[in-house]
Amino acid sequence: MTTIQYFVGASLDGFIATPDDGLDWLLQFDGFDGGQESYDSFKAGVGCLAMGRSTYTWLRKHGPEVWPYPGIPCYVFTRHEHAAPPDSNITFVRGDVREFVDDLKQDARGRNVWVMGGGNLAAQFADAGLLDELIVSLVPVVLGEGKRLLPMAGPTPPLELAASRTMGRGVVELRYRLRAG
């Protein structure tokens, strides 16, 4: 069964990026014990990506020349025109996430959908009752301000802690279920 997951790193005070989309605070933790294994295990279950324009723009600006997710269908939610890089399977869409959830799941082919990057897109899925899991790696840094982890319209019902583990350099990974599913 396809699960819609938000897999993300966040500061202890609940931010996923600085106000100007900076990630240096997070990137300084690259290579911590358990981090690569966690990412590889998670990514092995991913069949489709959903990301917002800011995440897509950041990836294109800071990422490698080659699209880092070849062969994985990707939906970019945006109001702007973009060009897809070679060897990518990207569909640019605009509209409510509910309009595309069936397409995301179909393209995932029984695997999971990764809501990647931005908290705003993840919040849209959560507000619509479509986000199944939140997998957050809490990084021992306090930013004070920035882009929020999950800027939802209102409070959620209590989340169910499905798993937790401590990894290197004080990073703690928490896996929550948002809805039965």
N, C-alpha and C. Protein backbone atom coordinates (compact mmCIF):
# COMPACT_ATOMS: atom_id res chain seq x y z
N MET A 1 0.83 -1.18 0.00
CA MET A 1 0.00 0.00 0.00
C MET A 1 0.88 1.25 0.00
N THR A 2 0.53 2.21 -0.80
CA THR A 2 1.29 3.45 -0.91
C THR A 2 1.04 4.35 0.28
N THR A 3 2.12 4.83 0.87
CA THR A 3 2.07 5.74 2.00
C THR A 3 2.64 7.08 1.56
N ILE A 4 2.01 8.17 1.96
CA ILE A 4 2.52 9.50 1.68
C ILE A 4 3.31 9.96 2.89
N GLN A 5 4.61 10.18 2.69
CA GLN A 5 5.54 10.44 3.78
C GLN A 5 6.25 11.78 3.60
N TYR A 6 6.46 12.45 4.71
CA TYR A 6 7.25 13.68 4.74
C TYR A 6 8.50 13.35 5.53
N PHE A 7 9.62 13.20 4.84
CA PHE A 7 10.92 12.83 5.41
C PHE A 7 11.78 14.08 5.35
N VAL A 8 12.22 14.57 6.52
CA VAL A 8 12.85 15.89 6.55
C VAL A 8 13.75 16.03 7.77
N GLY A 9 14.71 16.93 7.68
CA GLY A 9 15.52 17.31 8.83
C GLY A 9 15.03 18.63 9.36
N ALA A 10 15.05 18.79 10.69
CA ALA A 10 14.58 20.04 11.30
C ALA A 10 15.46 20.40 12.50
N SER A 11 15.54 21.70 12.77
CA SER A 11 16.23 22.18 13.96
C SER A 11 15.38 21.84 15.19
N LEU A 12 15.99 21.93 16.35
CA LEU A 12 15.25 21.64 17.58
C LEU A 12 14.06 22.57 17.77
N ASP A 13 14.13 23.77 17.23
CA ASP A 13 13.01 24.70 17.38
C ASP A 13 12.05 24.66 16.20
N GLY A 14 12.12 23.60 15.37
CA GLY A 14 11.08 23.35 14.39
C GLY A 14 11.20 24.03 13.05
N PHE A 15 12.43 24.34 12.62
CA PHE A 15 12.62 24.96 11.32
C PHE A 15 13.38 24.02 10.39
N ILE A 16 13.05 24.07 9.10
CA ILE A 16 13.70 23.20 8.12
C ILE A 16 14.69 23.96 7.24
N ALA A 17 14.68 25.28 7.34
CA ALA A 17 15.61 26.12 6.58
C ALA A 17 15.62 27.50 7.24
N THR A 18 16.65 28.27 6.95
CA THR A 18 16.69 29.65 7.41
C THR A 18 15.68 30.47 6.61
N PRO A 19 15.42 31.71 7.00
CA PRO A 19 14.44 32.52 6.25
C PRO A 19 14.77 32.66 4.76
N ASP A 20 16.06 32.59 4.39
CA ASP A 20 16.45 32.71 2.98
C ASP A 20 16.73 31.34 2.35
N ASP A 21 16.10 30.30 2.88
CA ASP A 21 16.21 28.92 2.37
C ASP A 21 17.60 28.31 2.57
N GLY A 22 18.39 28.85 3.48
CA GLY A 22 19.72 28.30 3.75
C GLY A 22 19.66 26.97 4.49
N LEU A 23 20.57 26.08 4.10
CA LEU A 23 20.66 24.76 4.74
C LEU A 23 22.05 24.46 5.28
N ASP A 24 22.93 25.46 5.35
CA ASP A 24 24.28 25.21 5.85
C ASP A 24 24.27 24.59 7.25
N TRP A 25 23.33 25.01 8.08
CA TRP A 25 23.21 24.49 9.44
C TRP A 25 22.96 22.98 9.42
N LEU A 26 22.23 22.49 8.42
CA LEU A 26 21.92 21.08 8.29
C LEU A 26 23.05 20.33 7.58
N LEU A 27 23.59 20.93 6.53
CA LEU A 27 24.63 20.27 5.74
C LEU A 27 25.91 20.03 6.54
N GLN A 28 26.13 20.80 7.60
CA GLN A 28 27.31 20.56 8.44
C GLN A 28 27.24 19.21 9.16
N PHE A 29 26.07 18.59 9.16
CA PHE A 29 25.90 17.29 9.80
C PHE A 29 26.01 16.13 8.81
N ASP A 30 26.27 16.40 7.53
CA ASP A 30 26.42 15.32 6.56
C ASP A 30 27.43 14.30 7.08
N GLY A 31 27.09 13.04 6.91
CA GLY A 31 28.01 11.97 7.28
C GLY A 31 27.90 11.51 8.72
N PHE A 32 26.88 11.96 9.47
CA PHE A 32 26.77 11.49 10.85
C PHE A 32 26.39 10.01 10.87
N ASP A 33 26.80 9.31 11.93
CA ASP A 33 26.54 7.88 12.05
C ASP A 33 25.05 7.59 11.97
N GLY A 34 24.69 6.71 11.07
CA GLY A 34 23.31 6.30 10.90
C GLY A 34 22.53 7.12 9.89
N GLY A 35 23.02 8.30 9.53
CA GLY A 35 22.29 9.18 8.62
C GLY A 35 22.14 8.61 7.23
N GLN A 36 23.23 8.15 6.66
CA GLN A 36 23.18 7.61 5.29
C GLN A 36 22.34 6.34 5.24
N GLU A 37 22.48 5.51 6.26
CA GLU A 37 21.70 4.27 6.30
C GLU A 37 20.21 4.58 6.39
N SER A 38 19.85 5.58 7.20
CA SER A 38 18.44 5.97 7.33
C SER A 38 17.91 6.48 5.99
N TYR A 39 18.67 7.35 5.35
CA TYR A 39 18.26 7.91 4.06
C TYR A 39 18.13 6.81 3.00
N ASP A 40 19.14 5.94 2.92
CA ASP A 40 19.11 4.87 1.91
C ASP A 40 17.93 3.94 2.12
N SER A 41 17.66 3.58 3.37
CA SER A 41 16.53 2.71 3.68
C SER A 41 15.22 3.37 3.31
N PHE A 42 15.08 4.65 3.65
CA PHE A 42 13.86 5.39 3.31
C PHE A 42 13.70 5.48 1.80
N LYS A 43 14.75 5.91 1.11
CA LYS A 43 14.68 6.14 -0.33
C LYS A 43 14.38 4.85 -1.10
N ALA A 44 14.81 3.72 -0.57
CA ALA A 44 14.54 2.44 -1.25
C ALA A 44 13.05 2.16 -1.36
N GLY A 45 12.24 2.75 -0.48
CA GLY A 45 10.80 2.55 -0.52
C GLY A 45 10.04 3.60 -1.31
N VAL A 46 10.76 4.58 -1.87
CA VAL A 46 10.11 5.70 -2.56
C VAL A 46 9.88 5.36 -4.04
N GLY A 47 8.63 5.59 -4.48
CA GLY A 47 8.30 5.38 -5.88
C GLY A 47 7.94 6.64 -6.62
N CYS A 48 7.69 7.74 -5.88
CA CYS A 48 7.30 9.00 -6.51
C CYS A 48 7.64 10.14 -5.55
N LEU A 49 8.00 11.29 -6.12
CA LEU A 49 8.33 12.48 -5.34
C LEU A 49 7.29 13.56 -5.57
N ALA A 50 7.04 14.36 -4.53
CA ALA A 50 6.23 15.57 -4.65
C ALA A 50 7.02 16.67 -3.97
N MET A 51 7.24 17.77 -4.67
CA MET A 51 7.98 18.88 -4.08
C MET A 51 7.41 20.19 -4.57
N GLY A 52 7.68 21.23 -3.81
CA GLY A 52 7.25 22.57 -4.20
C GLY A 52 8.32 23.26 -5.02
N ARG A 53 7.96 24.44 -5.50
CA ARG A 53 8.87 25.21 -6.35
C ARG A 53 10.17 25.57 -5.62
N SER A 54 10.10 25.96 -4.37
CA SER A 54 11.31 26.36 -3.64
C SER A 54 12.30 25.21 -3.53
N THR A 55 11.80 24.02 -3.24
CA THR A 55 12.68 22.85 -3.14
C THR A 55 13.30 22.54 -4.50
N TYR A 56 12.46 22.56 -5.54
CA TYR A 56 12.96 22.30 -6.89
C TYR A 56 14.03 23.32 -7.27
N THR A 57 13.77 24.60 -7.02
CA THR A 57 14.73 25.65 -7.36
C THR A 57 16.02 25.47 -6.58
N TRP A 58 15.90 25.13 -5.29
CA TRP A 58 17.10 24.91 -4.46
C TRP A 58 17.91 23.74 -5.01
N LEU A 59 17.25 22.65 -5.34
CA LEU A 59 17.95 21.48 -5.88
C LEU A 59 18.69 21.82 -7.17
N ARG A 60 18.04 22.57 -8.04
CA ARG A 60 18.67 22.93 -9.33
C ARG A 60 19.84 23.88 -9.12
N LYS A 61 19.75 24.76 -8.14
CA LYS A 61 20.81 25.73 -7.88
C LYS A 61 21.98 25.12 -7.13
N HIS A 62 21.71 24.25 -6.17
CA HIS A 62 22.75 23.72 -5.30
C HIS A 62 23.12 22.27 -5.59
N GLY A 63 22.35 21.62 -6.42
CA GLY A 63 22.57 20.21 -6.67
C GLY A 63 23.55 19.95 -7.79
N PRO A 64 23.76 18.70 -8.06
CA PRO A 64 24.65 18.34 -9.16
C PRO A 64 24.06 18.70 -10.51
N GLU A 65 24.91 18.69 -11.53
CA GLU A 65 24.44 18.97 -12.89
C GLU A 65 23.41 17.94 -13.35
N VAL A 66 23.53 16.73 -12.86
CA VAL A 66 22.64 15.63 -13.22
C VAL A 66 21.51 15.58 -12.20
N TRP A 67 20.28 15.37 -12.65
CA TRP A 67 19.14 15.25 -11.76
C TRP A 67 19.38 14.12 -10.77
N PRO A 68 19.28 14.37 -9.45
CA PRO A 68 19.64 13.36 -8.46
C PRO A 68 18.64 12.23 -8.28
N TYR A 69 17.49 12.29 -8.96
CA TYR A 69 16.47 11.25 -8.78
C TYR A 69 16.03 10.67 -10.12
N PRO A 70 16.98 10.18 -10.91
CA PRO A 70 16.60 9.63 -12.23
C PRO A 70 15.71 8.40 -12.06
N GLY A 71 14.75 8.29 -12.93
CA GLY A 71 13.88 7.12 -12.92
C GLY A 71 12.75 7.20 -11.90
N ILE A 72 12.74 8.22 -11.05
CA ILE A 72 11.66 8.36 -10.07
C ILE A 72 10.73 9.48 -10.55
N PRO A 73 9.46 9.17 -10.79
CA PRO A 73 8.54 10.23 -11.18
C PRO A 73 8.49 11.32 -10.11
N CYS A 74 8.45 12.57 -10.54
CA CYS A 74 8.47 13.71 -9.64
C CYS A 74 7.42 14.72 -10.08
N TYR A 75 6.61 15.16 -9.14
CA TYR A 75 5.64 16.21 -9.38
C TYR A 75 6.12 17.46 -8.65
N VAL A 76 6.26 18.55 -9.38
CA VAL A 76 6.66 19.83 -8.80
C VAL A 76 5.43 20.73 -8.80
N PHE A 77 5.00 21.11 -7.60
CA PHE A 77 3.84 21.99 -7.45
C PHE A 77 4.33 23.43 -7.54
N THR A 78 3.89 24.14 -8.58
CA THR A 78 4.38 25.49 -8.84
C THR A 78 3.38 26.29 -9.64
N ARG A 79 3.51 27.60 -9.54
CA ARG A 79 2.70 28.50 -10.38
C ARG A 79 3.57 29.10 -11.49
N HIS A 80 4.83 28.71 -11.52
CA HIS A 80 5.80 29.28 -12.45
C HIS A 80 6.17 28.25 -13.52
N GLU A 81 6.71 28.74 -14.60
CA GLU A 81 7.19 27.87 -15.68
C GLU A 81 8.62 27.46 -15.39
N HIS A 82 8.92 26.20 -15.59
CA HIS A 82 10.27 25.67 -15.39
C HIS A 82 10.59 24.70 -16.51
N ALA A 83 11.87 24.47 -16.70
CA ALA A 83 12.32 23.45 -17.64
C ALA A 83 12.84 22.27 -16.83
N ALA A 84 12.49 21.08 -17.26
CA ALA A 84 12.97 19.88 -16.59
C ALA A 84 14.37 19.53 -17.08
N PRO A 85 15.25 19.09 -16.18
CA PRO A 85 16.58 18.69 -16.61
C PRO A 85 16.53 17.39 -17.41
N PRO A 86 17.57 17.14 -18.21
CA PRO A 86 17.61 15.87 -18.95
C PRO A 86 17.59 14.69 -17.98
N ASP A 87 17.11 13.58 -18.44
CA ASP A 87 17.07 12.34 -17.68
C ASP A 87 16.22 12.43 -16.41
N SER A 88 15.24 13.33 -16.42
CA SER A 88 14.33 13.42 -15.28
C SER A 88 12.93 13.05 -15.75
N ASN A 89 12.11 12.66 -14.82
CA ASN A 89 10.72 12.34 -15.10
C ASN A 89 9.87 13.30 -14.25
N ILE A 90 9.89 14.58 -14.62
CA ILE A 90 9.25 15.63 -13.84
C ILE A 90 7.98 16.12 -14.53
N THR A 91 6.93 16.25 -13.73
CA THR A 91 5.68 16.85 -14.19
C THR A 91 5.44 18.09 -13.34
N PHE A 92 5.29 19.22 -13.98
CA PHE A 92 5.01 20.47 -13.28
C PHE A 92 3.49 20.63 -13.20
N VAL A 93 2.98 20.84 -11.99
CA VAL A 93 1.54 20.93 -11.78
C VAL A 93 1.20 22.16 -10.95
N ARG A 94 -0.03 22.60 -11.08
CA ARG A 94 -0.54 23.66 -10.21
C ARG A 94 -1.94 23.28 -9.79
N GLY A 95 -2.25 23.62 -8.55
CA GLY A 95 -3.57 23.29 -8.04
C GLY A 95 -3.48 22.62 -6.68
N ASP A 96 -4.62 22.24 -6.19
CA ASP A 96 -4.76 21.60 -4.89
C ASP A 96 -4.12 20.21 -4.92
N VAL A 97 -3.42 19.84 -3.85
CA VAL A 97 -2.76 18.53 -3.80
C VAL A 97 -3.76 17.39 -3.96
N ARG A 98 -5.01 17.61 -3.52
CA ARG A 98 -6.03 16.56 -3.64
C ARG A 98 -6.28 16.17 -5.09
N GLU A 99 -6.07 17.11 -6.01
CA GLU A 99 -6.29 16.83 -7.43
C GLU A 99 -5.27 15.84 -7.99
N PHE A 100 -4.12 15.71 -7.32
CA PHE A 100 -3.02 14.93 -7.88
C PHE A 100 -2.67 13.69 -7.08
N VAL A 101 -3.31 13.47 -5.95
CA VAL A 101 -2.92 12.36 -5.08
C VAL A 101 -3.07 11.01 -5.77
N ASP A 102 -4.12 10.83 -6.56
CA ASP A 102 -4.28 9.55 -7.27
C ASP A 102 -3.16 9.35 -8.29
N ASP A 103 -2.76 10.42 -8.98
CA ASP A 103 -1.65 10.32 -9.94
C ASP A 103 -0.34 9.99 -9.23
N LEU A 104 -0.10 10.64 -8.09
CA LEU A 104 1.12 10.37 -7.32
C LEU A 104 1.18 8.91 -6.92
N LYS A 105 0.09 8.41 -6.40
CA LYS A 105 0.05 7.01 -5.95
C LYS A 105 0.18 6.04 -7.12
N GLN A 106 -0.46 6.37 -8.23
CA GLN A 106 -0.35 5.50 -9.40
C GLN A 106 1.10 5.45 -9.89
N ASP A 107 1.74 6.62 -9.98
CA ASP A 107 3.14 6.66 -10.44
C ASP A 107 4.10 6.02 -9.44
N ALA A 108 3.71 5.94 -8.17
CA ALA A 108 4.56 5.30 -7.16
C ALA A 108 4.57 3.78 -7.33
N ARG A 109 3.60 3.25 -8.02
CA ARG A 109 3.51 1.81 -8.33
C ARG A 109 3.69 0.92 -7.09
N GLY A 110 2.88 1.22 -6.07
CA GLY A 110 2.90 0.40 -4.87
C GLY A 110 3.95 0.79 -3.85
N ARG A 111 4.82 1.70 -4.22
CA ARG A 111 5.83 2.19 -3.28
C ARG A 111 5.31 3.48 -2.65
N ASN A 112 6.15 4.19 -1.94
CA ASN A 112 5.70 5.37 -1.20
C ASN A 112 5.92 6.66 -1.97
N VAL A 113 5.17 7.68 -1.57
CA VAL A 113 5.30 9.03 -2.12
C VAL A 113 6.06 9.85 -1.07
N TRP A 114 7.15 10.47 -1.49
CA TRP A 114 7.95 11.32 -0.61
C TRP A 114 7.59 12.78 -0.88
N VAL A 115 6.97 13.42 0.10
CA VAL A 115 6.76 14.86 0.05
C VAL A 115 8.08 15.46 0.50
N MET A 116 8.81 16.02 -0.44
CA MET A 116 10.20 16.39 -0.23
C MET A 116 10.35 17.89 0.01
N GLY A 117 11.15 18.20 1.01
CA GLY A 117 11.56 19.59 1.19
C GLY A 117 10.56 20.41 1.96
N GLY A 118 9.94 21.33 1.30
CA GLY A 118 9.19 22.39 1.93
C GLY A 118 8.05 21.99 2.83
N GLY A 119 8.01 22.65 3.98
CA GLY A 119 6.94 22.43 4.93
C GLY A 119 5.58 22.88 4.42
N ASN A 120 5.56 23.90 3.56
CA ASN A 120 4.28 24.40 3.05
C ASN A 120 3.54 23.33 2.26
N LEU A 121 4.24 22.62 1.39
CA LEU A 121 3.60 21.56 0.61
C LEU A 121 3.18 20.42 1.53
N ALA A 122 4.04 20.04 2.45
CA ALA A 122 3.69 18.97 3.40
C ALA A 122 2.46 19.36 4.21
N ALA A 123 2.37 20.63 4.59
CA ALA A 123 1.21 21.11 5.35
C ALA A 123 -0.06 21.02 4.51
N GLN A 124 0.04 21.26 3.21
CA GLN A 124 -1.13 21.13 2.34
C GLN A 124 -1.64 19.69 2.34
N PHE A 125 -0.70 18.73 2.25
CA PHE A 125 -1.09 17.32 2.32
C PHE A 125 -1.71 17.00 3.68
N ALA A 126 -1.09 17.49 4.76
CA ALA A 126 -1.60 17.22 6.10
C ALA A 126 -2.97 17.86 6.32
N ASP A 127 -3.12 19.11 5.91
CA ASP A 127 -4.41 19.79 6.07
C ASP A 127 -5.52 19.09 5.30
N ALA A 128 -5.17 18.46 4.18
CA ALA A 128 -6.15 17.72 3.38
C ALA A 128 -6.39 16.31 3.90
N GLY A 129 -5.68 15.92 4.97
CA GLY A 129 -5.83 14.58 5.52
C GLY A 129 -5.15 13.51 4.69
N LEU A 130 -4.15 13.91 3.91
CA LEU A 130 -3.49 12.98 2.99
C LEU A 130 -2.10 12.54 3.42
N LEU A 131 -1.52 13.19 4.42
CA LEU A 131 -0.17 12.85 4.86
C LEU A 131 -0.26 11.71 5.87
N ASP A 132 0.39 10.60 5.55
CA ASP A 132 0.33 9.41 6.41
C ASP A 132 1.40 9.41 7.50
N GLU A 133 2.63 9.82 7.13
CA GLU A 133 3.74 9.74 8.07
C GLU A 133 4.61 10.99 8.01
N LEU A 134 5.10 11.36 9.18
CA LEU A 134 6.11 12.40 9.33
C LEU A 134 7.34 11.72 9.89
N ILE A 135 8.43 11.79 9.13
CA ILE A 135 9.71 11.22 9.58
C ILE A 135 10.67 12.39 9.66
N VAL A 136 10.98 12.81 10.87
CA VAL A 136 11.80 14.00 11.07
C VAL A 136 13.06 13.64 11.83
N SER A 137 14.18 14.11 11.31
CA SER A 137 15.45 13.99 12.01
C SER A 137 15.70 15.32 12.70
N LEU A 138 15.61 15.31 14.04
CA LEU A 138 15.86 16.51 14.81
C LEU A 138 17.36 16.70 14.96
N VAL A 139 17.83 17.84 14.48
CA VAL A 139 19.25 18.15 14.46
C VAL A 139 19.54 19.11 15.62
N PRO A 140 20.58 18.85 16.41
CA PRO A 140 20.84 19.66 17.60
C PRO A 140 21.39 21.05 17.28
N VAL A 141 20.51 21.86 16.67
CA VAL A 141 20.80 23.24 16.32
C VAL A 141 19.52 24.03 16.59
N VAL A 142 19.66 25.26 17.08
CA VAL A 142 18.52 26.15 17.25
C VAL A 142 18.71 27.31 16.28
N LEU A 143 17.73 27.51 15.40
CA LEU A 143 17.83 28.56 14.38
C LEU A 143 17.19 29.88 14.83
N GLY A 144 16.18 29.82 15.65
CA GLY A 144 15.52 31.04 16.09
C GLY A 144 14.44 31.54 15.15
N GLU A 145 14.61 31.36 13.87
CA GLU A 145 13.62 31.74 12.87
C GLU A 145 13.92 30.98 11.60
N GLY A 146 12.93 30.95 10.72
CA GLY A 146 13.14 30.28 9.44
C GLY A 146 11.86 29.70 8.89
N LYS A 147 12.02 28.72 8.02
CA LYS A 147 10.90 28.03 7.38
C LYS A 147 10.44 26.92 8.33
N ARG A 148 9.17 26.96 8.69
CA ARG A 148 8.63 26.03 9.69
C ARG A 148 8.53 24.61 9.16
N LEU A 149 8.64 23.67 10.07
CA LEU A 149 8.57 22.24 9.76
C LEU A 149 7.24 21.88 9.10
N LEU A 150 6.14 22.29 9.67
CA LEU A 150 4.83 21.89 9.17
C LEU A 150 3.82 23.00 9.50
N PRO A 151 3.80 24.06 8.70
CA PRO A 151 2.93 25.20 9.00
C PRO A 151 1.46 24.95 8.62
N MET A 152 0.80 24.16 9.44
CA MET A 152 -0.58 23.76 9.17
C MET A 152 -1.55 24.85 9.59
N ALA A 153 -2.78 24.74 9.08
CA ALA A 153 -3.83 25.69 9.39
C ALA A 153 -4.27 25.61 10.85
N GLY A 154 -4.15 24.46 11.47
CA GLY A 154 -4.57 24.29 12.86
C GLY A 154 -3.89 23.09 13.47
N PRO A 155 -4.20 22.81 14.72
CA PRO A 155 -3.56 21.67 15.38
C PRO A 155 -4.04 20.34 14.81
N THR A 156 -3.19 19.36 14.92
CA THR A 156 -3.53 18.00 14.50
C THR A 156 -4.10 17.26 15.71
N PRO A 157 -4.78 16.15 15.46
CA PRO A 157 -5.05 15.23 16.57
C PRO A 157 -3.69 14.68 17.03
N PRO A 158 -3.63 14.05 18.18
CA PRO A 158 -2.36 13.48 18.62
C PRO A 158 -1.78 12.54 17.57
N LEU A 159 -0.48 12.68 17.32
CA LEU A 159 0.20 11.80 16.38
C LEU A 159 0.64 10.55 17.11
N GLU A 160 0.77 9.46 16.37
CA GLU A 160 1.20 8.20 16.96
C GLU A 160 2.68 7.99 16.68
N LEU A 161 3.49 7.89 17.73
CA LEU A 161 4.91 7.63 17.56
C LEU A 161 5.09 6.18 17.14
N ALA A 162 5.61 5.97 15.94
CA ALA A 162 5.80 4.62 15.41
C ALA A 162 7.20 4.10 15.68
N ALA A 163 8.19 5.01 15.73
CA ALA A 163 9.58 4.60 15.97
C ALA A 163 10.41 5.82 16.33
N SER A 164 11.50 5.58 17.02
CA SER A 164 12.47 6.63 17.30
C SER A 164 13.84 5.98 17.44
N ARG A 165 14.85 6.78 17.10
CA ARG A 165 16.21 6.27 17.30
C ARG A 165 17.19 7.43 17.36
N THR A 166 18.21 7.22 18.14
CA THR A 166 19.26 8.21 18.26
C THR A 166 20.37 7.83 17.29
N MET A 167 20.85 8.83 16.58
CA MET A 167 21.93 8.59 15.63
C MET A 167 23.13 9.44 16.04
N GLY A 168 24.16 9.46 15.24
CA GLY A 168 25.38 10.18 15.57
C GLY A 168 25.19 11.68 15.68
N ARG A 169 26.11 12.31 16.42
CA ARG A 169 26.17 13.76 16.60
C ARG A 169 24.91 14.34 17.23
N GLY A 170 24.16 13.51 17.96
CA GLY A 170 22.99 13.99 18.68
C GLY A 170 21.73 14.11 17.86
N VAL A 171 21.72 13.58 16.65
CA VAL A 171 20.53 13.61 15.80
C VAL A 171 19.56 12.52 16.26
N VAL A 172 18.29 12.87 16.38
CA VAL A 172 17.25 11.92 16.78
C VAL A 172 16.22 11.85 15.66
N GLU A 173 15.97 10.64 15.19
CA GLU A 173 14.97 10.43 14.15
C GLU A 173 13.67 9.96 14.79
N LEU A 174 12.58 10.67 14.48
CA LEU A 174 11.26 10.34 14.99
C LEU A 174 10.33 10.04 13.82
N ARG A 175 9.58 8.95 13.95
CA ARG A 175 8.63 8.56 12.91
C ARG A 175 7.24 8.56 13.52
N TYR A 176 6.38 9.45 12.99
CA TYR A 176 5.01 9.58 13.49
C TYR A 176 4.01 9.20 12.41
N ARG A 177 2.92 8.56 12.83
CA ARG A 177 1.79 8.33 11.94
C ARG A 177 0.79 9.46 12.16
N LEU A 178 0.34 10.07 11.07
CA LEU A 178 -0.64 11.14 11.18
C LEU A 178 -2.06 10.62 11.05
N ARG A 179 -2.23 9.54 10.33
CA ARG A 179 -3.56 8.98 10.15
C ARG A 179 -3.42 7.49 9.95
N ALA A 180 -4.46 6.77 10.28
CA ALA A 180 -4.44 5.31 10.08
C ALA A 180 -4.31 5.02 8.61
N GLY A 181 -3.45 4.07 8.31
CA GLY A 181 -3.43 3.88 6.96
C GLY A 181 -2.69 3.06 6.14
